[in-house]
N, C-alpha and C. Protein backbone atom coordinates (compact mmCIF):
# COMPACT_ATOMS: atom_id res chain seq x y z
N MET A 1 0.83 -1.21 0.00
CA MET A 1 0.00 0.00 0.00
C MET A 1 0.86 1.26 0.00
N ILE A 2 2.05 1.20 0.59
CA ILE A 2 2.96 2.34 0.61
C ILE A 2 3.79 2.34 -0.67
N SER A 3 3.75 3.45 -1.42
CA SER A 3 4.45 3.49 -2.70
C SER A 3 5.70 4.36 -2.68
N ASN A 4 5.82 5.26 -1.67
CA ASN A 4 6.97 6.17 -1.61
C ASN A 4 7.19 6.87 -2.94
N LYS A 5 6.12 7.42 -3.47
CA LYS A 5 6.13 8.04 -4.79
C LYS A 5 6.94 9.33 -4.84
N TYR A 6 6.99 10.04 -3.71
CA TYR A 6 7.67 11.33 -3.66
C TYR A 6 8.71 11.34 -2.53
N GLN A 7 9.71 12.19 -2.70
CA GLN A 7 10.74 12.36 -1.67
C GLN A 7 10.35 13.54 -0.79
N TYR A 8 9.79 13.24 0.36
CA TYR A 8 9.32 14.31 1.25
C TYR A 8 10.45 14.78 2.16
N PRO A 9 10.50 16.08 2.43
CA PRO A 9 11.58 16.61 3.28
C PRO A 9 11.37 16.29 4.76
N THR A 10 12.45 16.28 5.49
CA THR A 10 12.38 16.20 6.95
C THR A 10 12.33 17.62 7.49
N LEU A 11 11.29 17.92 8.25
CA LEU A 11 11.11 19.28 8.74
C LEU A 11 11.94 19.52 10.00
N GLU A 12 12.56 20.69 10.06
CA GLU A 12 13.32 21.11 11.24
C GLU A 12 12.46 22.07 12.05
N ARG A 13 12.09 21.64 13.24
CA ARG A 13 11.15 22.41 14.06
C ARG A 13 11.88 23.38 14.99
N VAL A 14 11.29 24.56 15.15
CA VAL A 14 11.74 25.52 16.16
C VAL A 14 10.51 26.10 16.84
N ASP A 15 10.59 26.27 18.14
CA ASP A 15 9.48 26.83 18.90
C ASP A 15 9.76 28.29 19.22
N LEU A 16 8.95 29.17 18.67
CA LEU A 16 9.08 30.60 18.88
C LEU A 16 7.95 31.10 19.76
N ASP A 17 7.98 32.38 20.10
CA ASP A 17 6.95 32.96 20.97
C ASP A 17 5.55 32.77 20.40
N ARG A 18 5.44 32.79 19.09
CA ARG A 18 4.13 32.68 18.45
C ARG A 18 3.76 31.24 18.13
N GLY A 19 4.50 30.28 18.64
CA GLY A 19 4.15 28.89 18.43
C GLY A 19 5.15 28.13 17.58
N ARG A 20 4.75 26.95 17.17
CA ARG A 20 5.62 26.05 16.42
C ARG A 20 5.91 26.60 15.03
N HIS A 21 7.20 26.58 14.66
CA HIS A 21 7.64 26.99 13.33
C HIS A 21 8.56 25.91 12.76
N TYR A 22 8.77 25.97 11.45
CA TYR A 22 9.71 25.08 10.78
C TYR A 22 10.64 25.91 9.91
N ILE A 23 11.84 25.41 9.68
CA ILE A 23 12.82 26.12 8.86
C ILE A 23 12.60 25.77 7.39
N ASP A 24 12.39 26.80 6.56
CA ASP A 24 12.19 26.54 5.14
C ASP A 24 13.53 26.43 4.42
N SER A 25 13.49 26.26 3.10
CA SER A 25 14.73 25.99 2.36
C SER A 25 15.67 27.19 2.32
N THR A 26 15.17 28.38 2.68
CA THR A 26 16.02 29.57 2.73
C THR A 26 16.58 29.82 4.12
N GLY A 27 16.25 28.93 5.07
CA GLY A 27 16.71 29.09 6.44
C GLY A 27 15.82 29.97 7.28
N THR A 28 14.65 30.31 6.75
CA THR A 28 13.71 31.19 7.45
C THR A 28 12.66 30.37 8.20
N PRO A 29 12.37 30.70 9.47
CA PRO A 29 11.31 29.99 10.17
C PRO A 29 9.93 30.41 9.66
N VAL A 30 9.09 29.43 9.34
CA VAL A 30 7.72 29.70 8.92
C VAL A 30 6.77 29.00 9.88
N PRO A 31 5.59 29.58 10.14
CA PRO A 31 4.68 28.98 11.11
C PRO A 31 4.09 27.66 10.63
N SER A 32 3.79 26.81 11.58
CA SER A 32 3.10 25.57 11.23
C SER A 32 1.65 25.89 10.88
N VAL A 33 1.01 24.98 10.19
CA VAL A 33 -0.40 25.14 9.83
C VAL A 33 -1.24 25.27 11.10
N THR A 34 -0.97 24.45 12.10
CA THR A 34 -1.75 24.50 13.33
C THR A 34 -1.51 25.80 14.09
N THR A 35 -0.30 26.35 14.00
CA THR A 35 -0.01 27.63 14.65
C THR A 35 -0.84 28.75 14.01
N ILE A 36 -0.94 28.73 12.69
CA ILE A 36 -1.75 29.74 11.99
C ILE A 36 -3.21 29.60 12.37
N LEU A 37 -3.71 28.37 12.38
CA LEU A 37 -5.12 28.17 12.73
C LEU A 37 -5.41 28.59 14.16
N SER A 38 -4.49 28.25 15.07
CA SER A 38 -4.67 28.62 16.47
C SER A 38 -4.62 30.14 16.66
N GLY A 39 -3.75 30.79 15.89
CA GLY A 39 -3.56 32.22 16.04
C GLY A 39 -4.63 33.07 15.37
N THR A 40 -5.53 32.41 14.62
CA THR A 40 -6.58 33.16 13.92
C THR A 40 -7.98 32.68 14.28
N SER A 41 -8.06 31.89 15.35
CA SER A 41 -9.36 31.34 15.77
C SER A 41 -9.73 31.83 17.16
N SER A 42 -11.01 31.93 17.42
CA SER A 42 -11.49 32.31 18.74
C SER A 42 -11.29 31.15 19.72
N LYS A 43 -10.79 31.49 20.91
CA LYS A 43 -10.57 30.46 21.93
C LYS A 43 -11.65 30.51 23.02
N LYS A 44 -12.70 31.27 22.74
CA LYS A 44 -13.75 31.46 23.75
C LYS A 44 -14.40 30.14 24.15
N GLY A 45 -14.70 29.30 23.17
CA GLY A 45 -15.34 28.03 23.47
C GLY A 45 -14.50 27.16 24.39
N ILE A 46 -13.21 27.09 24.11
CA ILE A 46 -12.30 26.29 24.93
C ILE A 46 -12.18 26.87 26.33
N GLU A 47 -12.05 28.20 26.41
CA GLU A 47 -11.93 28.84 27.71
C GLU A 47 -13.19 28.64 28.55
N ASP A 48 -14.35 28.74 27.91
CA ASP A 48 -15.62 28.52 28.62
C ASP A 48 -15.71 27.09 29.15
N TRP A 49 -15.24 26.14 28.33
CA TRP A 49 -15.26 24.73 28.75
C TRP A 49 -14.33 24.51 29.93
N LYS A 50 -13.15 25.12 29.91
CA LYS A 50 -12.20 24.97 31.02
C LYS A 50 -12.78 25.53 32.32
N LYS A 51 -13.48 26.66 32.21
CA LYS A 51 -14.10 27.24 33.39
C LYS A 51 -15.21 26.34 33.93
N ARG A 52 -15.91 25.71 33.01
CA ARG A 52 -17.04 24.87 33.41
C ARG A 52 -16.59 23.59 34.11
N VAL A 53 -15.54 22.94 33.59
CA VAL A 53 -15.11 21.65 34.16
C VAL A 53 -13.97 21.81 35.16
N GLY A 54 -13.31 22.97 35.14
CA GLY A 54 -12.16 23.17 36.03
C GLY A 54 -10.86 22.88 35.31
N GLU A 55 -9.81 23.61 35.69
CA GLU A 55 -8.52 23.51 35.01
C GLU A 55 -7.93 22.11 35.09
N LYS A 56 -8.02 21.50 36.28
CA LYS A 56 -7.42 20.17 36.48
C LYS A 56 -8.11 19.12 35.62
N GLU A 57 -9.44 19.14 35.59
CA GLU A 57 -10.19 18.17 34.79
C GLU A 57 -9.93 18.41 33.31
N ALA A 58 -9.85 19.65 32.90
CA ALA A 58 -9.59 19.97 31.50
C ALA A 58 -8.23 19.41 31.07
N GLU A 59 -7.22 19.57 31.93
CA GLU A 59 -5.89 19.04 31.62
C GLU A 59 -5.93 17.52 31.49
N ARG A 60 -6.69 16.88 32.38
CA ARG A 60 -6.79 15.42 32.34
C ARG A 60 -7.43 14.95 31.03
N VAL A 61 -8.53 15.60 30.64
CA VAL A 61 -9.25 15.21 29.44
C VAL A 61 -8.38 15.41 28.20
N VAL A 62 -7.70 16.56 28.13
CA VAL A 62 -6.85 16.86 26.98
C VAL A 62 -5.70 15.85 26.88
N LYS A 63 -5.07 15.54 28.03
CA LYS A 63 -3.95 14.59 28.01
C LYS A 63 -4.42 13.21 27.58
N GLU A 64 -5.58 12.79 28.11
CA GLU A 64 -6.10 11.47 27.75
C GLU A 64 -6.39 11.40 26.25
N SER A 65 -7.03 12.43 25.71
CA SER A 65 -7.35 12.44 24.28
C SER A 65 -6.08 12.45 23.44
N THR A 66 -5.08 13.23 23.88
CA THR A 66 -3.81 13.31 23.15
C THR A 66 -3.10 11.97 23.17
N ASP A 67 -3.08 11.31 24.33
CA ASP A 67 -2.41 10.01 24.45
C ASP A 67 -3.06 8.98 23.54
N ILE A 68 -4.39 8.96 23.53
CA ILE A 68 -5.12 8.00 22.69
C ILE A 68 -4.86 8.29 21.22
N GLY A 69 -4.97 9.57 20.84
CA GLY A 69 -4.75 9.94 19.45
C GLY A 69 -3.36 9.60 18.96
N SER A 70 -2.35 9.88 19.78
CA SER A 70 -0.96 9.59 19.40
C SER A 70 -0.73 8.10 19.24
N ALA A 71 -1.29 7.31 20.16
CA ALA A 71 -1.13 5.85 20.10
C ALA A 71 -1.80 5.27 18.85
N VAL A 72 -2.97 5.79 18.51
CA VAL A 72 -3.68 5.31 17.32
C VAL A 72 -2.90 5.67 16.06
N HIS A 73 -2.41 6.91 15.98
CA HIS A 73 -1.65 7.33 14.80
C HIS A 73 -0.41 6.45 14.61
N GLU A 74 0.28 6.18 15.70
CA GLU A 74 1.49 5.36 15.63
C GLU A 74 1.16 3.95 15.15
N ALA A 75 0.07 3.39 15.67
CA ALA A 75 -0.32 2.03 15.29
C ALA A 75 -0.76 1.96 13.83
N ILE A 76 -1.51 2.97 13.36
CA ILE A 76 -1.94 3.00 11.96
C ILE A 76 -0.72 3.07 11.04
N GLU A 77 0.25 3.89 11.42
CA GLU A 77 1.47 4.01 10.62
C GLU A 77 2.19 2.67 10.53
N GLU A 78 2.28 1.96 11.65
CA GLU A 78 2.93 0.64 11.64
C GLU A 78 2.15 -0.33 10.75
N TYR A 79 0.84 -0.30 10.87
CA TYR A 79 0.00 -1.20 10.06
C TYR A 79 0.18 -0.94 8.57
N LEU A 80 0.10 0.33 8.17
CA LEU A 80 0.21 0.67 6.75
C LEU A 80 1.60 0.39 6.19
N ASN A 81 2.60 0.37 7.07
CA ASN A 81 3.96 0.03 6.65
C ASN A 81 4.21 -1.47 6.66
N GLY A 82 3.18 -2.23 7.00
CA GLY A 82 3.30 -3.69 7.00
C GLY A 82 3.99 -4.25 8.22
N ASN A 83 4.04 -3.46 9.30
CA ASN A 83 4.69 -3.90 10.53
C ASN A 83 3.67 -4.33 11.57
N GLU A 84 4.15 -4.94 12.65
CA GLU A 84 3.29 -5.31 13.77
C GLU A 84 2.76 -4.04 14.44
N TRP A 85 1.44 -3.91 14.51
CA TRP A 85 0.87 -2.68 15.04
C TRP A 85 0.36 -2.81 16.46
N ASP A 86 0.08 -4.03 16.91
CA ASP A 86 -0.53 -4.23 18.22
C ASP A 86 0.54 -4.31 19.31
N ASN A 87 1.05 -3.12 19.66
CA ASN A 87 2.07 -3.05 20.71
C ASN A 87 1.55 -2.32 21.94
N PHE A 88 0.25 -2.43 22.17
CA PHE A 88 -0.38 -1.70 23.27
C PHE A 88 -0.19 -2.40 24.61
N SER A 89 -0.16 -1.59 25.66
CA SER A 89 -0.10 -2.13 27.02
C SER A 89 -1.52 -2.40 27.51
N GLU A 90 -1.64 -2.72 28.79
CA GLU A 90 -2.96 -2.98 29.37
C GLU A 90 -3.54 -1.73 30.03
N LYS A 91 -2.89 -0.59 29.85
CA LYS A 91 -3.44 0.65 30.38
C LYS A 91 -4.78 0.96 29.73
N ARG A 92 -5.63 1.66 30.48
CA ARG A 92 -6.96 1.99 29.97
C ARG A 92 -6.90 2.74 28.64
N THR A 93 -6.03 3.76 28.58
CA THR A 93 -5.96 4.55 27.36
C THR A 93 -5.43 3.72 26.18
N ASP A 94 -4.50 2.81 26.47
CA ASP A 94 -3.98 1.95 25.41
C ASP A 94 -5.04 0.98 24.90
N LEU A 95 -5.87 0.47 25.80
CA LEU A 95 -6.93 -0.45 25.38
C LEU A 95 -7.97 0.27 24.51
N ILE A 96 -8.26 1.52 24.87
CA ILE A 96 -9.17 2.32 24.04
C ILE A 96 -8.54 2.54 22.66
N ALA A 97 -7.25 2.91 22.66
CA ALA A 97 -6.54 3.15 21.41
C ALA A 97 -6.49 1.89 20.54
N LYS A 98 -6.31 0.74 21.18
CA LYS A 98 -6.26 -0.52 20.43
C LYS A 98 -7.60 -0.80 19.75
N SER A 99 -8.70 -0.58 20.46
CA SER A 99 -10.02 -0.81 19.87
C SER A 99 -10.27 0.12 18.69
N ILE A 100 -9.87 1.40 18.85
CA ILE A 100 -10.07 2.36 17.77
C ILE A 100 -9.21 2.01 16.57
N THR A 101 -7.95 1.61 16.82
CA THR A 101 -7.06 1.22 15.73
C THR A 101 -7.63 0.02 14.97
N ASN A 102 -8.14 -0.94 15.70
CA ASN A 102 -8.71 -2.12 15.06
C ASN A 102 -9.90 -1.75 14.17
N LYS A 103 -10.68 -0.77 14.63
CA LYS A 103 -11.82 -0.30 13.83
C LYS A 103 -11.33 0.41 12.58
N PHE A 104 -10.25 1.18 12.69
CA PHE A 104 -9.67 1.80 11.50
C PHE A 104 -9.25 0.73 10.50
N ILE A 105 -8.62 -0.33 11.00
CA ILE A 105 -8.12 -1.39 10.12
C ILE A 105 -9.26 -2.12 9.43
N THR A 106 -10.33 -2.41 10.16
CA THR A 106 -11.44 -3.19 9.59
C THR A 106 -12.38 -2.34 8.73
N ASP A 107 -12.55 -1.07 9.08
CA ASP A 107 -13.52 -0.23 8.38
C ASP A 107 -12.94 1.06 7.82
N GLY A 108 -12.13 1.75 8.60
CA GLY A 108 -11.75 3.13 8.28
C GLY A 108 -10.78 3.28 7.13
N LEU A 109 -9.91 2.29 6.92
CA LEU A 109 -8.85 2.44 5.92
C LEU A 109 -9.20 1.80 4.59
N ASN A 110 -10.39 1.24 4.47
CA ASN A 110 -10.76 0.47 3.28
C ASN A 110 -10.78 1.30 2.01
N SER A 111 -11.02 2.61 2.14
CA SER A 111 -11.14 3.44 0.94
C SER A 111 -9.78 3.89 0.41
N ILE A 112 -8.70 3.64 1.17
CA ILE A 112 -7.36 4.04 0.73
C ILE A 112 -6.79 2.98 -0.21
N ASP A 113 -6.59 3.36 -1.48
CA ASP A 113 -6.03 2.44 -2.46
C ASP A 113 -4.51 2.39 -2.40
N GLU A 114 -3.92 3.55 -2.13
CA GLU A 114 -2.46 3.65 -2.14
C GLU A 114 -2.03 4.82 -1.28
N ALA A 115 -0.99 4.63 -0.50
CA ALA A 115 -0.44 5.71 0.32
C ALA A 115 0.92 6.11 -0.24
N TRP A 116 1.05 7.39 -0.57
CA TRP A 116 2.32 7.88 -1.11
C TRP A 116 3.29 8.24 0.00
N GLY A 117 2.75 8.44 1.20
CA GLY A 117 3.62 8.78 2.32
C GLY A 117 2.80 8.93 3.59
N LEU A 118 3.45 8.68 4.73
CA LEU A 118 2.82 8.84 6.04
C LEU A 118 3.63 9.83 6.86
N GLU A 119 2.96 10.64 7.66
CA GLU A 119 3.64 11.70 8.41
C GLU A 119 4.52 12.50 7.46
N VAL A 120 3.86 13.05 6.46
CA VAL A 120 4.53 13.70 5.34
C VAL A 120 4.86 15.16 5.65
N GLY A 121 6.13 15.52 5.57
CA GLY A 121 6.55 16.90 5.77
C GLY A 121 6.29 17.72 4.52
N LEU A 122 5.56 18.82 4.66
CA LEU A 122 5.23 19.70 3.54
C LEU A 122 5.56 21.14 3.92
N ILE A 123 6.10 21.92 2.98
CA ILE A 123 6.53 23.27 3.31
C ILE A 123 6.43 24.18 2.09
N LEU A 124 5.95 25.38 2.31
CA LEU A 124 5.95 26.43 1.30
C LEU A 124 6.84 27.56 1.81
N ASP A 125 7.95 27.78 1.13
CA ASP A 125 8.91 28.78 1.57
C ASP A 125 8.24 30.13 1.81
N GLY A 126 8.53 30.69 2.98
CA GLY A 126 8.03 32.01 3.32
C GLY A 126 6.59 32.04 3.79
N LEU A 127 5.91 30.90 3.78
CA LEU A 127 4.49 30.89 4.14
C LEU A 127 4.16 30.00 5.32
N TYR A 128 4.31 28.69 5.16
CA TYR A 128 3.91 27.77 6.24
C TYR A 128 4.48 26.38 5.97
N ALA A 129 4.34 25.53 6.98
CA ALA A 129 4.77 24.13 6.85
C ALA A 129 3.94 23.28 7.80
N GLY A 130 4.04 21.97 7.64
CA GLY A 130 3.31 21.08 8.54
C GLY A 130 3.48 19.64 8.11
N THR A 131 2.87 18.76 8.88
CA THR A 131 2.98 17.33 8.63
C THR A 131 1.60 16.73 8.41
N ALA A 132 1.39 16.16 7.24
CA ALA A 132 0.13 15.51 6.91
C ALA A 132 0.17 14.05 7.34
N ASP A 133 -0.95 13.55 7.88
CA ASP A 133 -1.00 12.15 8.31
C ASP A 133 -0.68 11.21 7.15
N CYS A 134 -1.31 11.48 6.00
CA CYS A 134 -1.18 10.57 4.87
C CYS A 134 -1.52 11.30 3.58
N VAL A 135 -0.80 10.96 2.52
CA VAL A 135 -1.13 11.44 1.18
C VAL A 135 -1.23 10.23 0.28
N GLY A 136 -2.26 10.20 -0.56
CA GLY A 136 -2.39 9.05 -1.44
C GLY A 136 -3.69 9.05 -2.21
N LEU A 137 -4.12 7.86 -2.62
CA LEU A 137 -5.33 7.71 -3.41
C LEU A 137 -6.46 7.17 -2.55
N VAL A 138 -7.59 7.87 -2.56
CA VAL A 138 -8.81 7.40 -1.91
C VAL A 138 -9.85 7.15 -2.99
N LYS A 139 -10.20 5.90 -3.17
CA LYS A 139 -11.11 5.50 -4.25
C LYS A 139 -10.64 6.05 -5.58
N GLY A 140 -9.32 5.99 -5.78
CA GLY A 140 -8.72 6.39 -7.04
C GLY A 140 -8.43 7.87 -7.18
N VAL A 141 -8.78 8.68 -6.17
CA VAL A 141 -8.62 10.13 -6.26
C VAL A 141 -7.47 10.59 -5.37
N PRO A 142 -6.51 11.36 -5.91
CA PRO A 142 -5.42 11.90 -5.08
C PRO A 142 -5.99 12.73 -3.93
N SER A 143 -5.53 12.46 -2.70
CA SER A 143 -6.14 13.08 -1.53
C SER A 143 -5.14 13.32 -0.42
N ILE A 144 -5.45 14.33 0.39
CA ILE A 144 -4.84 14.48 1.71
C ILE A 144 -5.75 13.73 2.67
N ILE A 145 -5.17 12.82 3.46
CA ILE A 145 -5.95 11.95 4.34
C ILE A 145 -5.55 12.21 5.78
N ASP A 146 -6.55 12.39 6.63
CA ASP A 146 -6.29 12.69 8.04
C ASP A 146 -7.02 11.68 8.91
N PHE A 147 -6.33 11.13 9.89
CA PHE A 147 -6.92 10.17 10.83
C PHE A 147 -7.26 10.90 12.12
N LYS A 148 -8.51 10.87 12.52
CA LYS A 148 -8.95 11.58 13.71
C LYS A 148 -9.64 10.62 14.68
N THR A 149 -9.32 10.82 15.98
CA THR A 149 -10.05 10.14 17.04
C THR A 149 -10.89 11.18 17.78
N ALA A 150 -11.97 10.75 18.39
CA ALA A 150 -12.86 11.68 19.09
C ALA A 150 -13.63 10.93 20.18
N LYS A 151 -14.03 11.66 21.21
CA LYS A 151 -14.90 11.05 22.23
C LYS A 151 -16.24 10.72 21.61
N ARG A 152 -16.74 11.64 20.78
CA ARG A 152 -17.98 11.44 20.02
C ARG A 152 -17.75 11.96 18.62
N ILE A 153 -18.36 11.34 17.63
CA ILE A 153 -18.26 11.82 16.26
C ILE A 153 -18.72 13.28 16.20
N LYS A 154 -17.90 14.11 15.59
CA LYS A 154 -18.20 15.54 15.53
C LYS A 154 -19.11 15.86 14.34
N ARG A 155 -19.88 16.91 14.50
CA ARG A 155 -20.68 17.39 13.39
C ARG A 155 -19.77 18.02 12.33
N ARG A 156 -20.22 17.96 11.11
CA ARG A 156 -19.42 18.49 10.00
C ARG A 156 -19.07 19.97 10.21
N GLU A 157 -20.03 20.75 10.73
CA GLU A 157 -19.80 22.18 10.89
C GLU A 157 -18.80 22.48 12.02
N TRP A 158 -18.46 21.47 12.83
CA TRP A 158 -17.51 21.67 13.92
C TRP A 158 -16.06 21.43 13.50
N ILE A 159 -15.84 20.89 12.32
CA ILE A 159 -14.49 20.46 11.96
C ILE A 159 -13.92 21.28 10.80
N GLU A 160 -14.31 22.55 10.73
CA GLU A 160 -13.81 23.42 9.68
C GLU A 160 -12.29 23.48 9.67
N ASP A 161 -11.67 23.53 10.86
CA ASP A 161 -10.20 23.60 10.93
C ASP A 161 -9.55 22.37 10.30
N TYR A 162 -10.20 21.22 10.40
CA TYR A 162 -9.65 20.01 9.76
C TYR A 162 -9.61 20.19 8.24
N PHE A 163 -10.67 20.78 7.70
CA PHE A 163 -10.72 21.01 6.25
C PHE A 163 -9.70 22.06 5.82
N LEU A 164 -9.57 23.11 6.62
CA LEU A 164 -8.59 24.15 6.31
C LEU A 164 -7.17 23.58 6.34
N GLN A 165 -6.90 22.75 7.33
CA GLN A 165 -5.59 22.12 7.45
C GLN A 165 -5.31 21.24 6.23
N GLY A 166 -6.30 20.45 5.84
CA GLY A 166 -6.14 19.58 4.69
C GLY A 166 -5.88 20.36 3.41
N CYS A 167 -6.60 21.46 3.22
CA CYS A 167 -6.39 22.30 2.03
C CYS A 167 -5.00 22.92 2.04
N ALA A 168 -4.53 23.32 3.22
CA ALA A 168 -3.17 23.86 3.33
C ALA A 168 -2.15 22.84 2.87
N TYR A 169 -2.29 21.60 3.32
CA TYR A 169 -1.36 20.55 2.93
C TYR A 169 -1.48 20.22 1.44
N ALA A 170 -2.70 20.18 0.93
CA ALA A 170 -2.90 19.88 -0.49
C ALA A 170 -2.22 20.92 -1.37
N ASN A 171 -2.42 22.20 -1.04
CA ASN A 171 -1.82 23.25 -1.85
C ASN A 171 -0.30 23.25 -1.77
N ALA A 172 0.24 22.95 -0.60
CA ALA A 172 1.70 22.84 -0.46
C ALA A 172 2.22 21.68 -1.31
N HIS A 173 1.54 20.55 -1.25
CA HIS A 173 1.94 19.37 -2.02
C HIS A 173 1.90 19.67 -3.52
N ASN A 174 0.86 20.37 -3.95
CA ASN A 174 0.72 20.68 -5.38
C ASN A 174 1.86 21.56 -5.87
N VAL A 175 2.28 22.53 -5.05
CA VAL A 175 3.39 23.40 -5.43
C VAL A 175 4.71 22.64 -5.41
N MET A 176 4.91 21.82 -4.40
CA MET A 176 6.18 21.12 -4.24
C MET A 176 6.41 20.05 -5.31
N PHE A 177 5.33 19.35 -5.69
CA PHE A 177 5.49 18.17 -6.54
C PHE A 177 4.67 18.23 -7.84
N SER A 178 4.12 19.41 -8.14
CA SER A 178 3.32 19.59 -9.36
C SER A 178 2.17 18.58 -9.45
N THR A 179 1.57 18.30 -8.31
CA THR A 179 0.40 17.42 -8.28
C THR A 179 -0.86 18.27 -8.43
N ASN A 180 -1.99 17.62 -8.44
CA ASN A 180 -3.27 18.31 -8.55
C ASN A 180 -4.26 17.75 -7.53
N ILE A 181 -3.83 17.77 -6.26
CA ILE A 181 -4.68 17.24 -5.19
C ILE A 181 -5.75 18.28 -4.85
N LYS A 182 -6.99 17.88 -4.99
CA LYS A 182 -8.11 18.77 -4.69
C LYS A 182 -9.20 18.03 -3.90
N GLN A 183 -8.73 17.13 -3.04
CA GLN A 183 -9.67 16.40 -2.18
C GLN A 183 -9.03 16.18 -0.81
N VAL A 184 -9.82 16.43 0.21
CA VAL A 184 -9.39 16.18 1.59
C VAL A 184 -10.36 15.18 2.20
N VAL A 185 -9.80 14.13 2.81
CA VAL A 185 -10.62 13.08 3.41
C VAL A 185 -10.27 12.95 4.89
N ILE A 186 -11.26 13.16 5.74
CA ILE A 186 -11.08 13.01 7.19
C ILE A 186 -11.73 11.70 7.60
N LEU A 187 -10.93 10.79 8.16
CA LEU A 187 -11.44 9.51 8.66
C LEU A 187 -11.47 9.59 10.18
N MET A 188 -12.67 9.50 10.75
CA MET A 188 -12.84 9.71 12.19
C MET A 188 -13.52 8.51 12.84
N ILE A 189 -12.99 8.10 14.00
CA ILE A 189 -13.60 7.03 14.79
C ILE A 189 -13.65 7.49 16.24
N ASP A 190 -14.82 7.29 16.88
CA ASP A 190 -14.96 7.73 18.27
C ASP A 190 -14.84 6.55 19.22
N ARG A 191 -15.02 6.83 20.50
CA ARG A 191 -14.78 5.79 21.52
C ARG A 191 -15.90 4.76 21.58
N ASP A 192 -17.01 5.03 20.91
CA ASP A 192 -18.05 4.02 20.75
C ASP A 192 -17.81 3.20 19.49
N LEU A 193 -16.67 3.44 18.85
CA LEU A 193 -16.25 2.75 17.63
C LEU A 193 -17.19 3.01 16.46
N ILE A 194 -17.72 4.22 16.41
CA ILE A 194 -18.50 4.67 15.27
C ILE A 194 -17.55 5.32 14.29
N PHE A 195 -17.65 4.94 13.02
CA PHE A 195 -16.77 5.45 11.98
C PHE A 195 -17.52 6.44 11.09
N LYS A 196 -16.85 7.54 10.75
CA LYS A 196 -17.44 8.55 9.87
C LYS A 196 -16.36 9.08 8.94
N GLU A 197 -16.70 9.19 7.66
CA GLU A 197 -15.78 9.76 6.67
C GLU A 197 -16.33 11.10 6.20
N PHE A 198 -15.50 12.13 6.28
CA PHE A 198 -15.85 13.46 5.80
C PHE A 198 -14.96 13.78 4.61
N THR A 199 -15.55 14.24 3.52
CA THR A 199 -14.79 14.54 2.31
C THR A 199 -15.16 15.92 1.78
N ILE A 200 -14.15 16.69 1.37
CA ILE A 200 -14.41 17.93 0.64
C ILE A 200 -13.68 17.86 -0.69
N LYS A 201 -14.32 18.37 -1.74
CA LYS A 201 -13.74 18.41 -3.08
C LYS A 201 -14.49 19.46 -3.89
N GLY A 202 -14.04 19.68 -5.11
CA GLY A 202 -14.73 20.60 -6.00
C GLY A 202 -14.83 22.00 -5.43
N HIS A 203 -16.04 22.57 -5.52
CA HIS A 203 -16.26 23.95 -5.06
C HIS A 203 -15.98 24.09 -3.56
N GLU A 204 -16.26 23.04 -2.80
CA GLU A 204 -16.02 23.11 -1.35
C GLU A 204 -14.53 23.17 -1.06
N PHE A 205 -13.74 22.43 -1.82
CA PHE A 205 -12.29 22.50 -1.67
C PHE A 205 -11.79 23.90 -1.99
N ASP A 206 -12.30 24.50 -3.06
CA ASP A 206 -11.90 25.86 -3.43
C ASP A 206 -12.30 26.86 -2.35
N PHE A 207 -13.49 26.66 -1.77
CA PHE A 207 -13.96 27.56 -0.71
C PHE A 207 -13.01 27.54 0.48
N PHE A 208 -12.65 26.36 0.94
CA PHE A 208 -11.78 26.26 2.11
C PHE A 208 -10.34 26.67 1.78
N THR A 209 -9.91 26.46 0.54
CA THR A 209 -8.58 26.94 0.14
C THR A 209 -8.52 28.46 0.22
N ASN A 210 -9.55 29.13 -0.28
CA ASN A 210 -9.59 30.59 -0.21
C ASN A 210 -9.64 31.07 1.24
N LYS A 211 -10.39 30.34 2.06
CA LYS A 211 -10.47 30.71 3.48
C LYS A 211 -9.12 30.52 4.16
N TRP A 212 -8.40 29.47 3.78
CA TRP A 212 -7.07 29.23 4.34
C TRP A 212 -6.13 30.38 3.98
N LYS A 213 -6.18 30.85 2.74
CA LYS A 213 -5.33 31.97 2.31
C LYS A 213 -5.62 33.22 3.13
N GLN A 214 -6.90 33.44 3.46
CA GLN A 214 -7.25 34.57 4.30
C GLN A 214 -6.70 34.41 5.71
N LYS A 215 -6.63 33.18 6.19
CA LYS A 215 -6.06 32.90 7.51
C LYS A 215 -4.57 33.27 7.54
N ILE A 216 -3.86 32.96 6.46
CA ILE A 216 -2.44 33.31 6.39
C ILE A 216 -2.27 34.82 6.46
N ILE A 217 -3.08 35.54 5.69
CA ILE A 217 -3.00 37.01 5.68
C ILE A 217 -3.30 37.56 7.07
N GLN A 218 -4.36 37.02 7.70
CA GLN A 218 -4.74 37.49 9.04
C GLN A 218 -3.64 37.22 10.05
N PHE A 219 -3.03 36.05 9.99
CA PHE A 219 -1.96 35.68 10.91
C PHE A 219 -0.77 36.64 10.77
N ASN A 220 -0.39 36.92 9.54
CA ASN A 220 0.76 37.80 9.29
C ASN A 220 0.46 39.25 9.70
N ARG A 221 -0.77 39.67 9.59
CA ARG A 221 -1.14 41.01 10.03
C ARG A 221 -0.99 41.16 11.54
N ASN A 222 -1.18 40.05 12.25
CA ASN A 222 -1.14 40.09 13.70
C ASN A 222 0.27 39.98 14.28
N VAL A 223 1.24 39.79 13.40
CA VAL A 223 2.63 39.64 13.87
C VAL A 223 3.12 40.94 14.50
């Protein structure tokens, strides 16, 4: 399934006051995609949630979700590379991650025909950089593919940042390798093992690409 079609760069990370950056080919630090999204989005919802549940509980929930998500991503990468993926411990979070990974393997990854790369480093000099979960063919269509875990399946209108992130990676890939990727596929599985696929293409892809460009402008204005 892994074709290694392109030679992707290894990104050099630096942490600056404004968040995570990467060094571009000219030696200039450029913001990560997630740094731009974070710096141009309202944090009111998150702050309200922290006040509601308390700082300590919020930290616990975020850490648990991060641990599960990281473990699932690592296992999916091992699976797609043809390696042993079931290296989980008996910890509660690992057992949850194992169940979600197994659901990805049986249901979530079926639409991927070919993976050109996993944890793919992408960079546009002077603009931004980031790491895409997967690039390849989904039902024969070149796509940016993102693996997401969630406590509950999210509504489509709640995951705009996922689409913006995917469009950012697609446009970077197209410039770097003269490809024509115009589809973003989000594969999401929650803790009840419900699977949902979200796809944007066509006019919707163009809409979110334009919105992403506005995010870059807004971020740079705030520097």
